[in-house]
C-alpha atoms as a PDB file:
ATOM      1  CA  MET A   1      91.111 119.849 100.355  1.00  0.00           C
ATOM      2  CA  THR A   2      90.480 116.341  98.978  1.00  0.00           C
ATOM      3  CA  ASP A   3      91.709 115.680  95.470  1.00  0.00           C
ATOM      4  CA  PRO A   4      88.732 113.990  93.682  1.00  0.00           C
ATOM      5  CA  LYS A   5      91.196 112.011  91.568  1.00  0.00           C
ATOM      6  CA  HIS A   6      92.529 110.320  94.745  1.00  0.00           C
ATOM      7  CA  ALA A   7      89.269 110.123  96.691  1.00  0.00           C
ATOM      8  CA  ALA A   8      88.241 106.652  97.889  1.00  0.00           C
ATOM      9  CA  PRO A   9      85.402 105.179  95.806  1.00  0.00           C
ATOM     10  CA  GLU A  10      82.142 104.859  97.688  1.00  0.00           C
ATOM     11  CA  TYR A  11      81.284 101.157  97.506  1.00  0.00           C
ATOM     12  CA  THR A  12      78.506  99.665  99.599  1.00  0.00           C
ATOM     13  CA  LYS A  13      78.743  96.338 101.398  1.00  0.00           C
ATOM     14  CA  ALA A  14      76.334  94.941  98.801  1.00  0.00           C
ATOM     15  CA  ASP A  15      78.757  96.034  96.062  1.00  0.00           C
ATOM     16  CA  MET A  16      81.645  94.301  97.779  1.00  0.00           C
ATOM     17  CA  ASP A  17      79.625  91.145  98.467  1.00  0.00           C
ATOM     18  CA  ALA A  18      78.636  90.980  94.808  1.00  0.00           C
ATOM     19  CA  VAL A  19      82.228  90.982  93.531  1.00  0.00           C
ATOM     20  CA  SER A  20      84.199  89.524  96.411  1.00  0.00           C
ATOM     21  CA  ASP A  21      85.797  86.128  95.980  1.00  0.00           C
ATOM     22  CA  ASN A  22      88.401  86.784  98.656  1.00  0.00           C
ATOM     23  CA  PRO A  23      86.742  86.494 102.053  1.00  0.00           C
ATOM     24  CA  GLU A  24      88.145  88.208 105.142  1.00  0.00           C
ATOM     25  CA  TRP A  25      90.702  86.068 106.954  1.00  0.00           C
ATOM     26  CA  THR A  26      89.762  84.406 110.218  1.00  0.00           C
ATOM     27  CA  ALA A  27      92.086  83.746 113.172  1.00  0.00           C
ATOM     28  CA  GLU A  28      92.381  80.152 111.916  1.00  0.00           C
ATOM     29  CA  ASP A  29      93.527  81.403 108.473  1.00  0.00           C
ATOM     30  CA  PHE A  30      96.189  83.581 110.100  1.00  0.00           C
ATOM     31  CA  ALA A  31      97.340  80.639 112.286  1.00  0.00           C
ATOM     32  CA  LYS A  32      97.852  78.480 109.163  1.00  0.00           C
ATOM     33  CA  ALA A  33      99.676  81.205 107.204  1.00  0.00           C
ATOM     34  CA  LYS A  34     103.355  80.685 106.341  1.00  0.00           C
ATOM     35  CA  PRO A  35     106.072  83.302 105.676  1.00  0.00           C
ATOM     36  CA  PHE A  36     106.677  84.023 101.988  1.00  0.00           C
ATOM     37  CA  ALA A  37     110.175  82.483 102.056  1.00  0.00           C
ATOM     38  CA  GLU A  38     108.767  79.275 103.517  1.00  0.00           C
ATOM     39  CA  ALA A  39     105.783  79.064 101.154  1.00  0.00           C
ATOM     40  CA  PHE A  40     107.813  79.897  98.019  1.00  0.00           C
ATOM     41  CA  PRO A  41     111.467  79.141  98.790  1.00  0.00           C
ATOM     42  CA  ASN A  42     112.681  79.067  95.150  1.00  0.00           C
ATOM     43  CA  LEU A  43     111.034  82.389  94.334  1.00  0.00           C
ATOM     44  CA  ALA A  44     112.244  83.940  97.596  1.00  0.00           C
ATOM     45  CA  LYS A  45     115.848  83.088  96.619  1.00  0.00           C
ATOM     46  CA  THR A  46     115.533  85.157  93.435  1.00  0.00           C
ATOM     47  CA  ILE A  47     114.470  88.339  95.276  1.00  0.00           C
ATOM     48  CA  ARG A  48     117.490  90.410  96.178  1.00  0.00           C
ATOM     49  CA  ALA A  49     117.647  92.810  99.046  1.00  0.00           C
ATOM     50  CA  ARG A  50     118.614  96.371  98.279  1.00  0.00           C
ATOM     51  CA  GLY A  51     122.386  96.779  98.379  1.00  0.00           C
ATOM     52  CA  PRO A  52     124.357  99.502 100.116  1.00  0.00           C
ATOM     53  CA  GLN A  53     123.506 103.008  99.075  1.00  0.00           C
ATOM     54  CA  LYS A  54     126.029 104.331  96.545  1.00  0.00           C
ATOM     55  CA  ALA A  55     125.208 108.043  96.931  1.00  0.00           C
ATOM     56  CA  PRO A  56     125.789 109.957 100.138  1.00  0.00           C
ATOM     57  CA  LYS A  57     123.115 109.092 102.636  1.00  0.00           C
ATOM     58  CA  LYS A  58     120.258 111.472 103.310  1.00  0.00           C
ATOM     59  CA  VAL A  59     118.593 111.992 106.674  1.00  0.00           C
ATOM     60  CA  SER A  60     114.906 111.144 107.014  1.00  0.00           C
ATOM     61  CA  THR A  61     112.895 113.981 108.469  1.00  0.00           C
ATOM     62  CA  THR A  62     109.426 115.468 108.606  1.00  0.00           C
ATOM     63  CA  LEU A  63     109.009 118.940 107.168  1.00  0.00           C
ATOM     64  CA  ARG A  64     105.797 120.986 106.913  1.00  0.00           C
ATOM     65  CA  LEU A  65     105.620 122.944 103.652  1.00  0.00           C
ATOM     66  CA  SER A  66     102.907 125.097 102.139  1.00  0.00           C
ATOM     67  CA  PRO A  67     100.520 123.402  99.734  1.00  0.00           C
ATOM     68  CA  GLU A  68     101.708 125.657  96.901  1.00  0.00           C
ATOM     69  CA  VAL A  69     105.292 124.495  97.291  1.00  0.00           C
ATOM     70  CA  ILE A  70     104.312 120.805  97.370  1.00  0.00           C
ATOM     71  CA  GLU A  71     101.996 121.265  94.367  1.00  0.00           C
ATOM     72  CA  HIS A  72     104.764 122.979  92.387  1.00  0.00           C
ATOM     73  CA  PHE A  73     107.309 120.264  92.976  1.00  0.00           C
ATOM     74  CA  LYS A  74     104.862 117.356  92.564  1.00  0.00           C
ATOM     75  CA  SER A  75     103.678 118.813  89.242  1.00  0.00           C
ATOM     76  CA  GLY A  76     107.105 117.912  87.839  1.00  0.00           C
ATOM     77  CA  GLY A  77     106.399 114.207  88.374  1.00  0.00           C
ATOM     78  CA  PRO A  78     108.502 111.574  90.100  1.00  0.00           C
ATOM     79  CA  GLY A  79     111.575 112.861  91.899  1.00  0.00           C
ATOM     80  CA  TRP A  80     109.798 115.816  93.464  1.00  0.00           C
ATOM     81  CA  GLN A  81     111.449 115.224  96.873  1.00  0.00           C
ATOM     82  CA  SER A  82     114.879 115.184  95.239  1.00  0.00           C
ATOM     83  CA  ARG A  83     114.052 118.456  93.485  1.00  0.00           C
ATOM     84  CA  ILE A  84     113.135 120.043  96.829  1.00  0.00           C
ATOM     85  CA  ASP A  85     116.457 118.757  98.224  1.00  0.00           C
ATOM     86  CA  ALA A  86     118.321 120.291  95.244  1.00  0.00           C
ATOM     87  CA  ALA A  87     116.530 123.621  95.636  1.00  0.00           C
ATOM     88  CA  LEU A  88     117.391 123.727  99.323  1.00  0.00           C
ATOM     89  CA  LYS A  89     121.040 122.875  98.583  1.00  0.00           C
ATOM     90  CA  ASP A  90     121.180 125.727  96.044  1.00  0.00           C
ATOM     91  CA  TRP A  91     119.767 128.108  98.644  1.00  0.00           C
ATOM     92  CA  VAL A  92     122.289 126.969 101.262  1.00  0.00           C
ATOM     93  CA  ALA A  93     125.158 127.414  98.789  1.00  0.00           C
ATOM     94  CA  ALA A  94     123.984 130.947  98.001  1.00  0.00           C
ATOM     95  CA  HIS A  95     123.751 131.944 101.647  1.00  0.00           C
END
């Protein structure tokens, strides 16, 4: 089931040509490209990497859940994955 709100817009090539001022890169363009830190060294120095995680680490995994479960937790907005984690922790504690 495709959510119409998140469906890709249907633009034609003519639409894209009419508004495009950013042409597709060629092999020559890629060959001339520089890494961000080299092109903008002062700006690159201001960007900090994420520090060590303060909370206990979680394990990345893939889990298949029913659409109703995902819809329920996503309807609560950002943090839905953490809410699933909390619900599962509650279940584990009760069993």
